[in-house]
Protein backbone atom coordinates (compact mmCIF):
# COMPACT_ATOMS: atom_id res chain seq x y z
CA MET A 1 -14.60 -8.16 -9.60
CA SER A 2 -15.07 -9.13 -5.71
CA LYS A 3 -11.99 -8.79 -3.56
CA THR A 4 -11.60 -11.03 -0.69
CA LYS A 5 -12.37 -9.11 2.83
CA VAL A 6 -10.73 -10.33 5.59
CA GLN A 7 -11.43 -9.86 9.32
CA GLN A 8 -9.71 -10.70 12.53
CA ASP A 9 -12.18 -9.67 15.99
CA GLY A 10 -14.31 -7.43 13.29
CA GLU A 11 -11.40 -5.20 12.52
CA PRO A 12 -10.38 -5.51 8.79
CA ALA A 13 -7.19 -7.85 8.22
CA PRO A 14 -4.62 -8.09 5.49
CA ARG A 15 -5.48 -11.19 2.97
CA LEU A 16 -3.32 -14.22 3.28
CA PRO A 17 -0.51 -14.49 0.68
CA HIS A 18 -3.32 -17.79 -0.48
CA GLU A 19 -5.94 -15.57 0.39
CA HIS A 20 -4.89 -12.43 -2.47
CA ASP A 21 -3.22 -14.83 -5.04
CA GLN A 22 -7.21 -16.76 -5.36
CA SER A 23 -8.87 -13.53 -5.15
CA SER A 24 -10.54 -12.77 -8.52
CA ASP A 25 -9.25 -9.20 -8.47
CA SER A 26 -5.97 -9.90 -8.65
CA GLN A 27 -6.15 -12.41 -11.60
CA GLN A 28 -7.10 -9.09 -13.35
CA THR A 29 -4.86 -7.68 -15.94
CA LYS A 30 -3.50 -3.70 -14.81
CA ASP A 31 -2.00 -3.11 -18.27
CA LYS A 32 -4.94 -3.09 -20.79
CA GLY A 33 -5.47 -6.94 -21.14
CA ARG A 34 -2.25 -6.86 -21.47
CA PRO A 35 0.14 -9.91 -18.98
CA PRO A 36 1.72 -8.32 -16.52
CA GLU A 37 5.45 -7.62 -17.05
CA VAL A 38 6.94 -10.41 -14.68
CA GLY A 39 4.64 -13.19 -17.07
CA ARG A 40 6.18 -11.33 -20.76
CA LYS A 41 9.40 -11.76 -19.60
CA ALA A 42 8.92 -15.45 -18.48
CA HIS A 43 7.08 -16.42 -21.65
CA ASP A 44 9.82 -14.96 -23.17
CA ASP A 45 13.01 -16.80 -21.78
CA VAL A 46 11.02 -20.03 -22.38
CA GLU A 47 10.21 -19.10 -26.32
CA ARG A 48 14.63 -18.17 -26.02
CA GLY A 49 14.92 -21.40 -24.80
CA VAL A 50 16.49 -20.29 -21.29
CA VAL A 51 17.31 -22.89 -18.61
CA ASP A 52 15.09 -22.28 -15.63
CA THR A 53 17.84 -22.24 -12.79
CA ASP A 54 15.32 -22.84 -10.20
CA ARG A 55 17.29 -25.24 -7.22
CA GLY A 56 13.98 -26.29 -5.77
CA PRO A 57 14.45 -30.17 -7.56
CA GLU A 58 19.06 -29.95 -6.39
CA ALA A 59 18.06 -29.25 -2.96
CA ASP A 60 14.87 -31.79 -1.89
CA ARG A 61 17.41 -34.42 -3.85
CA VAL A 62 19.83 -33.69 -1.32
CA TYR A 63 17.54 -33.46 1.79
CA ASN A 64 16.00 -36.19 0.96
CA ASP A 65 19.39 -38.24 0.54
CA LYS A 66 21.26 -36.74 2.63
CA LEU A 67 18.96 -35.63 5.76
CA LYS A 68 15.93 -36.89 5.87
CA ARG A 69 15.95 -40.48 7.74
């Protein structure tokens, strides 16, 4: 397992979100190989047929139709 290390001016620095997401240490499960709680909940929601309430597509449509010219 490798942990992304970031330096700025020779000093350790916090990782940026994409550096954390792409690092192999962020992909490891912490609960004895079980997926994280958020992943289990998402899976259960999909299995139960819960509808996605993401507003992204609607916001994109409004932006593209009304604001972007």
